[in-house]
Amino acid sequence: MAASDVERAAAFLATHALLLLGLGLAALLLALAVGAALVRLVTYYRPLLLGGFRLVVAQAGRIESVRRLFSSMRSLLPGAYVTLHLTLGLALVIAVTAFLILGQEVLGRSAVVSFDTAFAVAMHHASSPRWHAAFVVITFFGAGGVLTLATVVIGVVLIRRGQRVMAYTWMVAQLGGGILNWTLKGIYGRARPELADASLYAPGFAFPSGHAMGTLIFVGLGCYLLLRDQRSWTTAGAIIGLALSWCVIMAFSRLYLGVHFVSDVVAGLVAGSGWLVVCISALEILRKRSRPLARTAEVR
């Protein structure tokens, strides 16, 4: 795609950004609602579906070759714990690969940089004082100081409830995310766009966005802690929908205020996702190791 085409596409997207944001959030919530409805439908008819499945398996098991195949598959299939960590490992590989590719594009001054610049300029010209003021309020809740305060409060609550493993993992995850973001910013050293008001400029570099990354880690791990033992798919869908919507809105606020490029917030979300799966994996390992210790203490 020619540079002029990239710039025209960026200008079109920036001009209609608020409309596209609204449509995207509506589509996300609709998809989650449909997914939750389908799960509830499957749960309602679960006895019937399981009965049919067992009947098919029983009939197939009468065939010698199929019975041997089932036996082999049973020994090869991993348990739920292993499956979780394999899934998290795959997600981490995808996140790291996507971040490295995006970082290389930014350093190489490719079409991504042209798109970033054109989008930022067009967004600056299309912004309005009313929406600007609204996004200033929104972006405040993604600042490092606010997230740190909320992290400490939640950590103290978890400790008072006796959930020390969760509390320490929670606080280390937030602290580690901040250190990782600071390190990545120093490695890439990308300057911020020079379009925002001076009062909005934060010290440091732009890539990846700290607001986007920190919010995703905070909200993502918070959702995992809330939903780990949740059995209501409706409640889970609502919480996930709100969490994802907030992450998108927070990332968009950084674009609207002109303090980040598009690739900055995308990189922040990707890096945050990678660190999030590392923290979830670590949490599950610690929880598994703490159970035998808890049982031993009860016996004594």
C-alpha atoms as a PDB file:
ATOM      1  CA  MET A   1       0.000   0.000   0.000  1.00  0.00           C
ATOM      2  CA  ALA A   2       1.349   3.431  -0.969  1.00  0.00           C
ATOM      3  CA  ALA A   3       2.128   6.020   1.692  1.00  0.00           C
ATOM      4  CA  SER A   4      -0.696   8.257   0.486  1.00  0.00           C
ATOM      5  CA  ASP A   5      -3.192   5.391   0.829  1.00  0.00           C
ATOM      6  CA  VAL A   6      -2.001   4.702   4.363  1.00  0.00           C
ATOM      7  CA  GLU A   7      -2.385   8.341   5.305  1.00  0.00           C
ATOM      8  CA  ARG A   8      -5.860   8.565   3.775  1.00  0.00           C
ATOM      9  CA  ALA A   9      -6.954   5.441   5.635  1.00  0.00           C
ATOM     10  CA  ALA A  10      -5.555   6.835   8.889  1.00  0.00           C
ATOM     11  CA  ALA A  11      -7.310  10.172   8.360  1.00  0.00           C
ATOM     12  CA  PHE A  12     -10.640   8.432   7.642  1.00  0.00           C
ATOM     13  CA  LEU A  13     -10.383   6.276  10.757  1.00  0.00           C
ATOM     14  CA  ALA A  14      -9.430   9.238  12.933  1.00  0.00           C
ATOM     15  CA  THR A  15     -12.277  11.388  11.613  1.00  0.00           C
ATOM     16  CA  HIS A  16     -14.827   8.660  12.408  1.00  0.00           C
ATOM     17  CA  ALA A  17     -13.009   7.326  15.471  1.00  0.00           C
ATOM     18  CA  LEU A  18     -15.757   7.986  18.012  1.00  0.00           C
ATOM     19  CA  LEU A  19     -18.389   6.319  15.841  1.00  0.00           C
ATOM     20  CA  LEU A  20     -16.118   3.334  15.220  1.00  0.00           C
ATOM     21  CA  LEU A  21     -15.358   3.116  18.933  1.00  0.00           C
ATOM     22  CA  GLY A  22     -19.059   2.992  19.766  1.00  0.00           C
ATOM     23  CA  LEU A  23     -19.782   0.392  17.103  1.00  0.00           C
ATOM     24  CA  GLY A  24     -16.819  -1.716  18.206  1.00  0.00           C
ATOM     25  CA  LEU A  25     -17.884  -1.694  21.847  1.00  0.00           C
ATOM     26  CA  ALA A  26     -21.462  -2.546  20.891  1.00  0.00           C
ATOM     27  CA  ALA A  27     -20.244  -5.454  18.738  1.00  0.00           C
ATOM     28  CA  LEU A  28     -18.030  -6.691  21.576  1.00  0.00           C
ATOM     29  CA  LEU A  29     -20.845  -6.625  24.120  1.00  0.00           C
ATOM     30  CA  LEU A  30     -23.241  -8.268  21.661  1.00  0.00           C
ATOM     31  CA  ALA A  31     -20.751 -11.062  20.952  1.00  0.00           C
ATOM     32  CA  LEU A  32     -20.275 -11.698  24.677  1.00  0.00           C
ATOM     33  CA  ALA A  33     -24.043 -11.667  25.251  1.00  0.00           C
ATOM     34  CA  VAL A  34     -24.583 -14.180  22.444  1.00  0.00           C
ATOM     35  CA  GLY A  35     -21.761 -16.345  23.801  1.00  0.00           C
ATOM     36  CA  ALA A  36     -23.217 -16.298  27.315  1.00  0.00           C
ATOM     37  CA  ALA A  37     -26.670 -17.158  25.939  1.00  0.00           C
ATOM     38  CA  LEU A  38     -25.272 -20.100  23.986  1.00  0.00           C
ATOM     39  CA  VAL A  39     -23.438 -21.406  27.037  1.00  0.00           C
ATOM     40  CA  ARG A  40     -26.601 -21.141  29.123  1.00  0.00           C
ATOM     41  CA  LEU A  41     -28.520 -22.984  26.411  1.00  0.00           C
ATOM     42  CA  VAL A  42     -25.927 -25.764  26.339  1.00  0.00           C
ATOM     43  CA  THR A  43     -25.972 -25.929  30.141  1.00  0.00           C
ATOM     44  CA  TYR A  44     -29.776 -26.215  30.165  1.00  0.00           C
ATOM     45  CA  TYR A  45     -29.726 -29.105  27.709  1.00  0.00           C
ATOM     46  CA  ARG A  46     -26.578 -30.628  29.182  1.00  0.00           C
ATOM     47  CA  PRO A  47     -28.220 -33.855  30.428  1.00  0.00           C
ATOM     48  CA  LEU A  48     -29.722 -34.494  27.005  1.00  0.00           C
ATOM     49  CA  LEU A  49     -26.486 -33.709  25.178  1.00  0.00           C
ATOM     50  CA  LEU A  50     -24.394 -35.830  27.544  1.00  0.00           C
ATOM     51  CA  GLY A  51     -26.823 -38.708  27.193  1.00  0.00           C
ATOM     52  CA  GLY A  52     -26.565 -38.588  23.429  1.00  0.00           C
ATOM     53  CA  PHE A  53     -22.794 -38.305  23.584  1.00  0.00           C
ATOM     54  CA  ARG A  54     -22.486 -41.280  25.941  1.00  0.00           C
ATOM     55  CA  LEU A  55     -24.720 -43.334  23.666  1.00  0.00           C
ATOM     56  CA  VAL A  56     -22.539 -42.542  20.636  1.00  0.00           C
ATOM     57  CA  VAL A  57     -19.351 -43.363  22.590  1.00  0.00           C
ATOM     58  CA  ALA A  58     -20.847 -46.636  23.858  1.00  0.00           C
ATOM     59  CA  GLN A  59     -21.805 -47.705  20.366  1.00  0.00           C
ATOM     60  CA  ALA A  60     -18.418 -46.715  18.965  1.00  0.00           C
ATOM     61  CA  GLY A  61     -16.656 -48.522  21.834  1.00  0.00           C
ATOM     62  CA  ARG A  62     -17.976 -51.826  20.619  1.00  0.00           C
ATOM     63  CA  ILE A  63     -15.633 -51.558  17.645  1.00  0.00           C
ATOM     64  CA  GLU A  64     -12.201 -52.920  18.565  1.00  0.00           C
ATOM     65  CA  SER A  65     -10.160 -50.390  16.585  1.00  0.00           C
ATOM     66  CA  VAL A  66     -12.166 -47.462  17.971  1.00  0.00           C
ATOM     67  CA  ARG A  67     -11.802 -48.802  21.533  1.00  0.00           C
ATOM     68  CA  ARG A  68      -8.022 -48.929  21.114  1.00  0.00           C
ATOM     69  CA  LEU A  69      -8.036 -45.393  19.737  1.00  0.00           C
ATOM     70  CA  PHE A  70     -10.042 -44.130  22.745  1.00  0.00           C
ATOM     71  CA  SER A  71      -7.607 -45.852  25.100  1.00  0.00           C
ATOM     72  CA  SER A  72      -4.608 -44.230  23.402  1.00  0.00           C
ATOM     73  CA  MET A  73      -6.233 -40.791  23.411  1.00  0.00           C
ATOM     74  CA  ARG A  74      -7.115 -41.081  27.105  1.00  0.00           C
ATOM     75  CA  SER A  75      -3.461 -41.551  27.998  1.00  0.00           C
ATOM     76  CA  LEU A  76      -2.320 -38.674  25.788  1.00  0.00           C
ATOM     77  CA  LEU A  77      -4.836 -36.026  26.825  1.00  0.00           C
ATOM     78  CA  PRO A  78      -3.420 -33.654  29.479  1.00  0.00           C
ATOM     79  CA  GLY A  79      -5.290 -32.756  32.641  1.00  0.00           C
ATOM     80  CA  ALA A  80      -7.015 -29.435  33.274  1.00  0.00           C
ATOM     81  CA  TYR A  81      -3.979 -27.982  35.107  1.00  0.00           C
ATOM     82  CA  VAL A  82      -1.553 -28.846  32.306  1.00  0.00           C
ATOM     83  CA  THR A  83      -4.028 -27.673  29.665  1.00  0.00           C
ATOM     84  CA  LEU A  84      -4.312 -24.296  31.387  1.00  0.00           C
ATOM     85  CA  HIS A  85      -0.550 -23.757  31.366  1.00  0.00           C
ATOM     86  CA  LEU A  86      -0.204 -24.952  27.765  1.00  0.00           C
ATOM     87  CA  THR A  87      -2.882 -22.446  26.747  1.00  0.00           C
ATOM     88  CA  LEU A  88      -1.201 -19.663  28.711  1.00  0.00           C
ATOM     89  CA  GLY A  89       2.150 -20.574  27.164  1.00  0.00           C
ATOM     90  CA  LEU A  90       0.696 -20.358  23.663  1.00  0.00           C
ATOM     91  CA  ALA A  91      -0.883 -16.992  24.487  1.00  0.00           C
ATOM     92  CA  LEU A  92       2.475 -15.733  25.778  1.00  0.00           C
ATOM     93  CA  VAL A  93       4.284 -16.808  22.600  1.00  0.00           C
ATOM     94  CA  ILE A  94       1.676 -15.030  20.466  1.00  0.00           C
ATOM     95  CA  ALA A  95       1.877 -11.853  22.565  1.00  0.00           C
ATOM     96  CA  VAL A  96       5.692 -11.728  22.546  1.00  0.00           C
ATOM     97  CA  THR A  97       5.839 -12.376  18.801  1.00  0.00           C
ATOM     98  CA  ALA A  98       3.237  -9.695  18.058  1.00  0.00           C
ATOM     99  CA  PHE A  99       5.039  -7.162  20.252  1.00  0.00           C
ATOM    100  CA  LEU A 100       8.431  -7.829  18.681  1.00  0.00           C
ATOM    101  CA  ILE A 101       6.980  -7.491  15.164  1.00  0.00           C
ATOM    102  CA  LEU A 102       5.260  -4.230  16.076  1.00  0.00           C
ATOM    103  CA  GLY A 103       8.391  -2.902  17.751  1.00  0.00           C
ATOM    104  CA  GLN A 104      10.461  -3.740  14.676  1.00  0.00           C
ATOM    105  CA  GLU A 105       7.968  -1.911  12.474  1.00  0.00           C
ATOM    106  CA  VAL A 106       8.202   1.167  14.673  1.00  0.00           C
ATOM    107  CA  LEU A 107      12.001   1.152  14.740  1.00  0.00           C
ATOM    108  CA  GLY A 108      12.130   0.560  10.988  1.00  0.00           C
ATOM    109  CA  ARG A 109      10.062   3.676  10.207  1.00  0.00           C
ATOM    110  CA  SER A 110       7.683   1.555   8.150  1.00  0.00           C
ATOM    111  CA  ALA A 111       4.098   2.166   7.054  1.00  0.00           C
ATOM    112  CA  VAL A 112       3.066   1.749  10.694  1.00  0.00           C
ATOM    113  CA  VAL A 113       4.866   4.988  11.568  1.00  0.00           C
ATOM    114  CA  SER A 114       3.252   6.813   8.643  1.00  0.00           C
ATOM    115  CA  PHE A 115      -0.154   5.578   9.780  1.00  0.00           C
ATOM    116  CA  ASP A 116       0.571   6.653  13.356  1.00  0.00           C
ATOM    117  CA  THR A 117       1.525  10.170  12.339  1.00  0.00           C
ATOM    118  CA  ALA A 118      -1.394  10.671   9.964  1.00  0.00           C
ATOM    119  CA  PHE A 119      -3.874   9.303  12.508  1.00  0.00           C
ATOM    120  CA  ALA A 120      -2.532  11.527  15.295  1.00  0.00           C
ATOM    121  CA  VAL A 121      -2.738  14.678  13.147  1.00  0.00           C
ATOM    122  CA  ALA A 122      -6.252  13.887  11.906  1.00  0.00           C
ATOM    123  CA  MET A 123      -7.431  13.023  15.429  1.00  0.00           C
ATOM    124  CA  HIS A 124      -6.047  16.316  16.713  1.00  0.00           C
ATOM    125  CA  HIS A 125      -7.993  18.283  14.104  1.00  0.00           C
ATOM    126  CA  ALA A 126     -11.197  16.274  14.635  1.00  0.00           C
ATOM    127  CA  SER A 127     -11.213  16.498  18.456  1.00  0.00           C
ATOM    128  CA  SER A 128     -13.787  18.594  20.308  1.00  0.00           C
ATOM    129  CA  PRO A 129     -13.480  20.349  23.695  1.00  0.00           C
ATOM    130  CA  ARG A 130     -16.383  18.348  25.183  1.00  0.00           C
ATOM    131  CA  TRP A 131     -14.935  14.939  24.353  1.00  0.00           C
ATOM    132  CA  HIS A 132     -11.476  16.173  25.243  1.00  0.00           C
ATOM    133  CA  ALA A 133     -12.650  17.011  28.759  1.00  0.00           C
ATOM    134  CA  ALA A 134     -14.389  13.628  29.085  1.00  0.00           C
ATOM    135  CA  PHE A 135     -11.277  11.694  28.093  1.00  0.00           C
ATOM    136  CA  VAL A 136      -9.120  13.733  30.474  1.00  0.00           C
ATOM    137  CA  VAL A 137     -11.280  12.366  33.308  1.00  0.00           C
ATOM    138  CA  ILE A 138     -11.169   8.825  31.921  1.00  0.00           C
ATOM    139  CA  THR A 139      -7.406   8.791  31.433  1.00  0.00           C
ATOM    140  CA  PHE A 140      -6.904   9.932  35.044  1.00  0.00           C
ATOM    141  CA  PHE A 141      -8.039   6.503  36.268  1.00  0.00           C
ATOM    142  CA  GLY A 142      -5.311   4.803  34.245  1.00  0.00           C
ATOM    143  CA  ALA A 143      -2.483   6.842  35.747  1.00  0.00           C
ATOM    144  CA  GLY A 144       0.231   5.047  37.660  1.00  0.00           C
ATOM    145  CA  GLY A 145      -0.578   6.716  40.973  1.00  0.00           C
ATOM    146  CA  VAL A 146      -4.263   5.781  40.817  1.00  0.00           C
ATOM    147  CA  LEU A 147      -3.543   2.164  39.856  1.00  0.00           C
ATOM    148  CA  THR A 148      -0.910   1.905  42.592  1.00  0.00           C
ATOM    149  CA  LEU A 149      -3.336   3.153  45.240  1.00  0.00           C
ATOM    150  CA  ALA A 150      -6.041   0.743  44.050  1.00  0.00           C
ATOM    151  CA  THR A 151      -3.501  -2.092  43.989  1.00  0.00           C
ATOM    152  CA  VAL A 152      -2.495  -1.496  47.611  1.00  0.00           C
ATOM    153  CA  VAL A 153      -6.121  -1.258  48.770  1.00  0.00           C
ATOM    154  CA  ILE A 154      -7.085  -4.518  47.064  1.00  0.00           C
ATOM    155  CA  GLY A 155      -3.911  -6.203  48.316  1.00  0.00           C
ATOM    156  CA  VAL A 156      -4.692  -5.213  51.911  1.00  0.00           C
ATOM    157  CA  VAL A 157      -8.264  -6.493  51.550  1.00  0.00           C
ATOM    158  CA  LEU A 158      -7.008  -9.853  50.259  1.00  0.00           C
ATOM    159  CA  ILE A 159      -4.503 -10.148  53.122  1.00  0.00           C
ATOM    160  CA  ARG A 160      -7.189  -9.378  55.703  1.00  0.00           C
ATOM    161  CA  ARG A 161      -9.292 -12.150  54.169  1.00  0.00           C
ATOM    162  CA  GLY A 162      -6.433 -14.600  54.586  1.00  0.00           C
ATOM    163  CA  GLN A 163      -5.743 -14.863  50.831  1.00  0.00           C
ATOM    164  CA  ARG A 164      -2.051 -14.086  51.081  1.00  0.00           C
ATOM    165  CA  VAL A 165      -0.975 -15.946  47.924  1.00  0.00           C
ATOM    166  CA  MET A 166      -3.467 -13.974  45.857  1.00  0.00           C
ATOM    167  CA  ALA A 167      -2.551 -10.725  47.607  1.00  0.00           C
ATOM    168  CA  TYR A 168       1.199 -11.023  47.027  1.00  0.00           C
ATOM    169  CA  THR A 169       0.751 -12.220  43.458  1.00  0.00           C
ATOM    170  CA  TRP A 170      -1.633  -9.342  42.806  1.00  0.00           C
ATOM    171  CA  MET A 171       0.781  -6.700  44.075  1.00  0.00           C
ATOM    172  CA  VAL A 172       3.863  -8.225  42.426  1.00  0.00           C
ATOM    173  CA  ALA A 173       1.956  -8.444  39.130  1.00  0.00           C
ATOM    174  CA  GLN A 174       1.131  -4.730  39.171  1.00  0.00           C
ATOM    175  CA  LEU A 175       4.641  -3.731  40.246  1.00  0.00           C
ATOM    176  CA  GLY A 176       6.232  -6.026  37.665  1.00  0.00           C
ATOM    177  CA  GLY A 177       4.017  -4.620  34.940  1.00  0.00           C
ATOM    178  CA  GLY A 178       5.177  -1.104  35.760  1.00  0.00           C
ATOM    179  CA  ILE A 179       8.838  -2.136  35.728  1.00  0.00           C
ATOM    180  CA  LEU A 180       8.368  -3.986  32.430  1.00  0.00           C
ATOM    181  CA  ASN A 181       6.689  -0.975  30.840  1.00  0.00           C
ATOM    182  CA  TRP A 182       9.458   1.357  32.021  1.00  0.00           C
ATOM    183  CA  THR A 183      12.090  -1.036  30.657  1.00  0.00           C
ATOM    184  CA  LEU A 184      10.422  -1.367  27.262  1.00  0.00           C
ATOM    185  CA  LYS A 185      10.017   2.391  26.960  1.00  0.00           C
ATOM    186  CA  GLY A 186      13.748   2.801  27.584  1.00  0.00           C
ATOM    187  CA  ILE A 187      14.646   0.137  25.017  1.00  0.00           C
ATOM    188  CA  TYR A 188      12.605   1.657  22.191  1.00  0.00           C
ATOM    189  CA  GLY A 189      12.966   5.319  23.203  1.00  0.00           C
ATOM    190  CA  ARG A 190      10.121   6.597  21.062  1.00  0.00           C
ATOM    191  CA  ALA A 191       9.113  10.233  21.506  1.00  0.00           C
ATOM    192  CA  ARG A 192       5.493  11.162  22.081  1.00  0.00           C
ATOM    193  CA  PRO A 193       3.461  13.023  19.443  1.00  0.00           C
ATOM    194  CA  GLU A 194       3.812  16.792  19.778  1.00  0.00           C
ATOM    195  CA  LEU A 195       0.113  17.567  19.496  1.00  0.00           C
ATOM    196  CA  ALA A 196      -1.293  17.494  23.029  1.00  0.00           C
ATOM    197  CA  ASP A 197      -1.538  20.321  25.538  1.00  0.00           C
ATOM    198  CA  ALA A 198       1.602  20.718  27.610  1.00  0.00           C
ATOM    199  CA  SER A 199      -0.343  19.878  30.788  1.00  0.00           C
ATOM    200  CA  LEU A 200      -1.106  16.390  29.448  1.00  0.00           C
ATOM    201  CA  TYR A 201       2.438  15.379  28.666  1.00  0.00           C
ATOM    202  CA  ALA A 202       3.845  12.705  30.912  1.00  0.00           C
ATOM    203  CA  PRO A 203       7.583  12.245  31.378  1.00  0.00           C
ATOM    204  CA  GLY A 204       9.215   9.372  29.560  1.00  0.00           C
ATOM    205  CA  PHE A 205       8.842   7.731  26.199  1.00  0.00           C
ATOM    206  CA  ALA A 206       5.729   6.625  24.334  1.00  0.00           C
ATOM    207  CA  PHE A 207       6.180   2.995  23.275  1.00  0.00           C
ATOM    208  CA  PRO A 208       4.398   1.075  24.753  1.00  0.00           C
ATOM    209  CA  SER A 209       1.581   3.007  26.433  1.00  0.00           C
ATOM    210  CA  GLY A 210       1.751   2.707  30.198  1.00  0.00           C
ATOM    211  CA  HIS A 211      -1.940   3.571  30.659  1.00  0.00           C
ATOM    212  CA  ALA A 212      -3.062   0.851  28.239  1.00  0.00           C
ATOM    213  CA  MET A 213      -0.668  -1.754  29.604  1.00  0.00           C
ATOM    214  CA  GLY A 214      -1.270  -0.993  33.280  1.00  0.00           C
ATOM    215  CA  THR A 215      -5.040  -0.915  32.909  1.00  0.00           C
ATOM    216  CA  LEU A 216      -5.122  -4.243  31.079  1.00  0.00           C
ATOM    217  CA  ILE A 217      -2.959  -5.943  33.726  1.00  0.00           C
ATOM    218  CA  PHE A 218      -5.004  -4.463  36.568  1.00  0.00           C
ATOM    219  CA  VAL A 219      -8.409  -5.221  35.059  1.00  0.00           C
ATOM    220  CA  GLY A 220      -7.371  -8.556  33.540  1.00  0.00           C
ATOM    221  CA  LEU A 221      -5.937 -10.051  36.714  1.00  0.00           C
ATOM    222  CA  GLY A 222      -8.800  -8.602  38.733  1.00  0.00           C
ATOM    223  CA  CYS A 223     -11.276 -10.351  36.426  1.00  0.00           C
ATOM    224  CA  TYR A 224      -9.388 -13.617  36.761  1.00  0.00           C
ATOM    225  CA  LEU A 225      -9.481 -13.440  40.559  1.00  0.00           C
ATOM    226  CA  LEU A 226     -13.202 -12.633  40.503  1.00  0.00           C
ATOM    227  CA  LEU A 227     -14.201 -15.217  37.914  1.00  0.00           C
ATOM    228  CA  ARG A 228     -11.934 -18.136  38.781  1.00  0.00           C
ATOM    229  CA  ASP A 229     -14.617 -19.797  40.890  1.00  0.00           C
ATOM    230  CA  GLN A 230     -17.590 -18.121  39.202  1.00  0.00           C
ATOM    231  CA  ARG A 231     -20.260 -20.509  37.947  1.00  0.00           C
ATOM    232  CA  SER A 232     -22.661 -17.987  36.408  1.00  0.00           C
ATOM    233  CA  TRP A 233     -21.872 -17.450  32.728  1.00  0.00           C
ATOM    234  CA  THR A 234     -24.133 -14.412  32.639  1.00  0.00           C
ATOM    235  CA  THR A 235     -22.184 -12.737  35.433  1.00  0.00           C
ATOM    236  CA  ALA A 236     -18.875 -13.754  33.870  1.00  0.00           C
ATOM    237  CA  GLY A 237     -19.898 -12.367  30.479  1.00  0.00           C
ATOM    238  CA  ALA A 238     -20.991  -9.069  32.005  1.00  0.00           C
ATOM    239  CA  ILE A 239     -17.761  -8.641  33.982  1.00  0.00           C
ATOM    240  CA  ILE A 240     -15.564  -9.557  31.005  1.00  0.00           C
ATOM    241  CA  GLY A 241     -17.532  -7.233  28.734  1.00  0.00           C
ATOM    242  CA  LEU A 242     -17.156  -4.301  31.102  1.00  0.00           C
ATOM    243  CA  ALA A 243     -13.460  -5.051  31.643  1.00  0.00           C
ATOM    244  CA  LEU A 244     -12.637  -5.254  27.929  1.00  0.00           C
ATOM    245  CA  SER A 245     -14.687  -2.141  27.197  1.00  0.00           C
ATOM    246  CA  TRP A 246     -12.828  -0.182  29.871  1.00  0.00           C
ATOM    247  CA  CYS A 247      -9.442  -1.282  28.485  1.00  0.00           C
ATOM    248  CA  VAL A 248     -10.437  -0.177  24.978  1.00  0.00           C
ATOM    249  CA  ILE A 249     -11.804   3.160  26.192  1.00  0.00           C
ATOM    250  CA  MET A 250      -8.690   3.815  28.271  1.00  0.00           C
ATOM    251  CA  ALA A 251      -6.441   3.044  25.303  1.00  0.00           C
ATOM    252  CA  PHE A 252      -8.555   5.267  23.043  1.00  0.00           C
ATOM    253  CA  SER A 253      -8.374   8.148  25.515  1.00  0.00           C
ATOM    254  CA  ARG A 254      -4.608   8.258  25.041  1.00  0.00           C
ATOM    255  CA  LEU A 255      -5.100   8.630  21.285  1.00  0.00           C
ATOM    256  CA  TYR A 256      -7.798  11.277  21.589  1.00  0.00           C
ATOM    257  CA  LEU A 257      -5.682  13.364  23.938  1.00  0.00           C
ATOM    258  CA  GLY A 258      -2.750  13.160  21.523  1.00  0.00           C
ATOM    259  CA  VAL A 259      -0.217  11.725  23.979  1.00  0.00           C
ATOM    260  CA  HIS A 260       0.283   8.402  22.186  1.00  0.00           C
ATOM    261  CA  PHE A 261       0.342   6.925  18.703  1.00  0.00           C
ATOM    262  CA  VAL A 262      -1.884   4.017  17.683  1.00  0.00           C
ATOM    263  CA  SER A 263       0.987   1.537  17.763  1.00  0.00           C
ATOM    264  CA  ASP A 264       1.850   2.702  21.291  1.00  0.00           C
ATOM    265  CA  VAL A 265      -1.530   1.695  22.733  1.00  0.00           C
ATOM    266  CA  VAL A 266      -1.665  -1.512  20.691  1.00  0.00           C
ATOM    267  CA  ALA A 267       1.789  -2.435  21.965  1.00  0.00           C
ATOM    268  CA  GLY A 268       0.684  -1.609  25.512  1.00  0.00           C
ATOM    269  CA  LEU A 269      -2.305  -3.938  25.242  1.00  0.00           C
ATOM    270  CA  VAL A 270      -0.191  -6.716  23.707  1.00  0.00           C
ATOM    271  CA  ALA A 271       2.601  -6.394  26.285  1.00  0.00           C
ATOM    272  CA  GLY A 272       0.042  -6.241  29.071  1.00  0.00           C
ATOM    273  CA  SER A 273      -1.580  -9.433  27.779  1.00  0.00           C
ATOM    274  CA  GLY A 274       1.763 -11.219  27.767  1.00  0.00           C
ATOM    275  CA  TRP A 275       2.607 -10.179  31.319  1.00  0.00           C
ATOM    276  CA  LEU A 276      -0.944 -11.038  32.424  1.00  0.00           C
ATOM    277  CA  VAL A 277      -0.687 -14.673  31.303  1.00  0.00           C
ATOM    278  CA  VAL A 278       2.681 -14.961  33.084  1.00  0.00           C
ATOM    279  CA  CYS A 279       1.077 -13.720  36.297  1.00  0.00           C
ATOM    280  CA  ILE A 280      -1.916 -16.045  35.972  1.00  0.00           C
ATOM    281  CA  SER A 281       0.384 -19.004  35.402  1.00  0.00           C
ATOM    282  CA  ALA A 282       2.492 -18.048  38.434  1.00  0.00           C
ATOM    283  CA  LEU A 283      -0.631 -17.619  40.553  1.00  0.00           C
ATOM    284  CA  GLU A 284      -1.924 -21.084  39.666  1.00  0.00           C
ATOM    285  CA  ILE A 285       1.462 -22.668  40.428  1.00  0.00           C
ATOM    286  CA  LEU A 286       1.620 -20.937  43.814  1.00  0.00           C
ATOM    287  CA  ARG A 287      -1.960 -21.887  44.650  1.00  0.00           C
ATOM    288  CA  LYS A 288      -1.274 -25.519  43.776  1.00  0.00           C
ATOM    289  CA  ARG A 289       1.860 -25.597  45.936  1.00  0.00           C
ATOM    290  CA  SER A 290       0.145 -23.888  48.861  1.00  0.00           C
ATOM    291  CA  ARG A 291      -2.668 -26.465  49.098  1.00  0.00           C
ATOM    292  CA  PRO A 292      -0.491 -29.331  50.440  1.00  0.00           C
ATOM    293  CA  LEU A 293       1.001 -26.946  52.988  1.00  0.00           C
ATOM    294  CA  ALA A 294      -2.463 -25.881  54.093  1.00  0.00           C
ATOM    295  CA  ARG A 295      -3.590 -29.501  54.448  1.00  0.00           C
ATOM    296  CA  THR A 296      -0.466 -30.331  56.487  1.00  0.00           C
ATOM    297  CA  ALA A 297      -1.148 -27.416  58.821  1.00  0.00           C
ATOM    298  CA  GLU A 298      -4.752 -28.587  59.297  1.00  0.00           C
ATOM    299  CA  VAL A 299      -3.609 -32.123  60.195  1.00  0.00           C
ATOM    300  CA  ARG A 300      -1.171 -30.806  62.777  1.00  0.00           C
END
